[in-house]
């Protein structure tokens, strides 16, 4: 029982580190900032909505590329590493 508890704590600790690291590398930006980037052509917009959230939506950014957020390996090399990527889901 003690080994299982230690293993669970270790997994929890590693997961916590991953979440902290992800938060440090991802920024939330305003729609005005994204609009400026779009006007200057320095951004790629990725629509990561799934299922009915995407198909029934009346609002879609015309230049956005729809990608599957659960399958990043399928599209991660498709976009320039020098371009800003903005992912949106609403």
C-alpha atoms as a PDB file:
ATOM      1  CA  UNK A   1       0.000   0.000   0.000  1.00  0.00           C
ATOM      2  CA  UNK A   2       2.841   2.385   0.832  1.00  0.00           C
ATOM      3  CA  UNK A   3       4.454   1.816  -2.598  1.00  0.00           C
ATOM      4  CA  UNK A   4       1.176   2.571  -4.360  1.00  0.00           C
ATOM      5  CA  UNK A   5       0.761   5.791  -2.400  1.00  0.00           C
ATOM      6  CA  UNK A   6       4.319   6.864  -3.231  1.00  0.00           C
ATOM      7  CA  UNK A   7       3.756   6.059  -6.915  1.00  0.00           C
ATOM      8  CA  UNK A   8       0.523   8.079  -6.978  1.00  0.00           C
ATOM      9  CA  UNK A   9       2.208  11.032  -5.306  1.00  0.00           C
ATOM     10  CA  UNK A  10       5.058  10.873  -7.818  1.00  0.00           C
ATOM     11  CA  UNK A  11       2.618  10.887 -10.748  1.00  0.00           C
ATOM     12  CA  UNK A  12       0.706  13.800  -9.210  1.00  0.00           C
ATOM     13  CA  UNK A  13       3.946  15.739  -8.706  1.00  0.00           C
ATOM     14  CA  UNK A  14       5.079  15.168 -12.303  1.00  0.00           C
ATOM     15  CA  UNK A  15       1.671  16.187 -13.630  1.00  0.00           C
ATOM     16  CA  UNK A  16       1.789  19.361 -11.528  1.00  0.00           C
ATOM     17  CA  UNK A  17       5.169  20.280 -13.003  1.00  0.00           C
ATOM     18  CA  UNK A  18       3.855  19.786 -16.534  1.00  0.00           C
ATOM     19  CA  UNK A  19       0.910  22.094 -15.869  1.00  0.00           C
ATOM     20  CA  UNK A  20       3.154  24.813 -14.421  1.00  0.00           C
ATOM     21  CA  UNK A  21       5.520  24.556 -17.399  1.00  0.00           C
ATOM     22  CA  UNK A  22       2.653  24.807 -19.884  1.00  0.00           C
ATOM     23  CA  UNK A  23       1.280  27.911 -18.185  1.00  0.00           C
ATOM     24  CA  UNK A  24       4.631  29.638 -18.434  1.00  0.00           C
ATOM     25  CA  UNK A  25       4.878  29.199 -22.212  1.00  0.00           C
ATOM     26  CA  UNK A  26       1.321  30.028 -23.278  1.00  0.00           C
ATOM     27  CA  UNK A  27      -0.087  33.534 -23.324  1.00  0.00           C
ATOM     28  CA  UNK A  28      -3.655  34.707 -23.429  1.00  0.00           C
ATOM     29  CA  UNK A  29      -4.014  37.649 -25.781  1.00  0.00           C
ATOM     30  CA  UNK A  30      -6.829  40.057 -26.506  1.00  0.00           C
ATOM     31  CA  UNK A  31      -8.908  39.945 -29.653  1.00  0.00           C
ATOM     32  CA  UNK A  32      -7.506  43.372 -30.554  1.00  0.00           C
ATOM     33  CA  UNK A  33      -3.959  42.002 -30.465  1.00  0.00           C
ATOM     34  CA  UNK A  34      -4.960  39.037 -32.627  1.00  0.00           C
ATOM     35  CA  UNK A  35      -6.667  41.408 -35.087  1.00  0.00           C
ATOM     36  CA  UNK A  36      -3.454  43.444 -35.359  1.00  0.00           C
ATOM     37  CA  UNK A  37      -1.452  40.280 -35.998  1.00  0.00           C
ATOM     38  CA  UNK A  38      -3.973  39.208 -38.640  1.00  0.00           C
ATOM     39  CA  UNK A  39      -3.769  42.605 -40.353  1.00  0.00           C
ATOM     40  CA  UNK A  40       0.019  42.325 -40.572  1.00  0.00           C
ATOM     41  CA  UNK A  41       0.002  38.647 -41.576  1.00  0.00           C
ATOM     42  CA  UNK A  42       2.138  37.504 -38.659  1.00  0.00           C
ATOM     43  CA  UNK A  43      -0.239  34.904 -37.217  1.00  0.00           C
ATOM     44  CA  UNK A  44      -1.898  31.610 -38.060  1.00  0.00           C
ATOM     45  CA  UNK A  45      -5.298  31.088 -36.452  1.00  0.00           C
ATOM     46  CA  UNK A  46      -6.128  27.504 -35.491  1.00  0.00           C
ATOM     47  CA  UNK A  47      -9.736  26.572 -34.746  1.00  0.00           C
ATOM     48  CA  UNK A  48      -9.608  23.706 -32.235  1.00  0.00           C
ATOM     49  CA  UNK A  49     -13.341  23.337 -31.628  1.00  0.00           C
ATOM     50  CA  UNK A  50     -14.709  19.836 -31.897  1.00  0.00           C
ATOM     51  CA  UNK A  51     -17.939  18.153 -32.939  1.00  0.00           C
ATOM     52  CA  UNK A  52     -21.088  20.216 -32.735  1.00  0.00           C
ATOM     53  CA  UNK A  53     -19.230  23.154 -31.213  1.00  0.00           C
ATOM     54  CA  UNK A  54     -17.644  23.627 -34.629  1.00  0.00           C
ATOM     55  CA  UNK A  55     -20.349  22.376 -36.996  1.00  0.00           C
ATOM     56  CA  UNK A  56     -23.201  24.370 -35.453  1.00  0.00           C
ATOM     57  CA  UNK A  57     -21.285  27.573 -34.860  1.00  0.00           C
ATOM     58  CA  UNK A  58     -22.477  30.651 -36.713  1.00  0.00           C
ATOM     59  CA  UNK A  59     -19.164  32.367 -36.040  1.00  0.00           C
ATOM     60  CA  UNK A  60     -15.946  31.209 -37.664  1.00  0.00           C
ATOM     61  CA  UNK A  61     -12.818  33.169 -38.463  1.00  0.00           C
ATOM     62  CA  UNK A  62     -12.561  33.017 -42.246  1.00  0.00           C
ATOM     63  CA  UNK A  63      -8.789  32.583 -42.368  1.00  0.00           C
ATOM     64  CA  UNK A  64      -8.653  30.032 -39.534  1.00  0.00           C
ATOM     65  CA  UNK A  65      -7.434  26.498 -40.109  1.00  0.00           C
ATOM     66  CA  UNK A  66      -9.415  23.792 -38.352  1.00  0.00           C
ATOM     67  CA  UNK A  67      -7.227  21.260 -36.515  1.00  0.00           C
ATOM     68  CA  UNK A  68      -7.863  18.419 -34.094  1.00  0.00           C
ATOM     69  CA  UNK A  69      -6.491  19.397 -30.661  1.00  0.00           C
ATOM     70  CA  UNK A  70      -6.278  15.745 -29.680  1.00  0.00           C
ATOM     71  CA  UNK A  71      -3.969  14.932 -32.587  1.00  0.00           C
ATOM     72  CA  UNK A  72      -1.247  17.572 -32.418  1.00  0.00           C
ATOM     73  CA  UNK A  73       1.350  15.226 -33.914  1.00  0.00           C
ATOM     74  CA  UNK A  74      -0.648  15.171 -37.169  1.00  0.00           C
ATOM     75  CA  UNK A  75      -0.385  18.935 -37.713  1.00  0.00           C
ATOM     76  CA  UNK A  76       2.367  20.349 -35.508  1.00  0.00           C
ATOM     77  CA  UNK A  77       4.937  20.489 -38.340  1.00  0.00           C
ATOM     78  CA  UNK A  78       2.467  21.958 -40.822  1.00  0.00           C
ATOM     79  CA  UNK A  79       3.009  25.525 -39.643  1.00  0.00           C
ATOM     80  CA  UNK A  80       6.093  27.712 -39.633  1.00  0.00           C
ATOM     81  CA  UNK A  81       8.037  27.789 -36.393  1.00  0.00           C
ATOM     82  CA  UNK A  82       8.540  31.534 -37.012  1.00  0.00           C
ATOM     83  CA  UNK A  83       4.814  32.277 -37.109  1.00  0.00           C
ATOM     84  CA  UNK A  84       2.632  32.989 -34.113  1.00  0.00           C
ATOM     85  CA  UNK A  85      -0.054  30.362 -33.608  1.00  0.00           C
ATOM     86  CA  UNK A  86      -3.337  31.359 -32.005  1.00  0.00           C
ATOM     87  CA  UNK A  87      -5.633  28.544 -30.963  1.00  0.00           C
ATOM     88  CA  UNK A  88      -9.248  29.359 -30.297  1.00  0.00           C
ATOM     89  CA  UNK A  89     -12.234  27.333 -29.205  1.00  0.00           C
ATOM     90  CA  UNK A  90     -15.059  29.841 -28.808  1.00  0.00           C
END
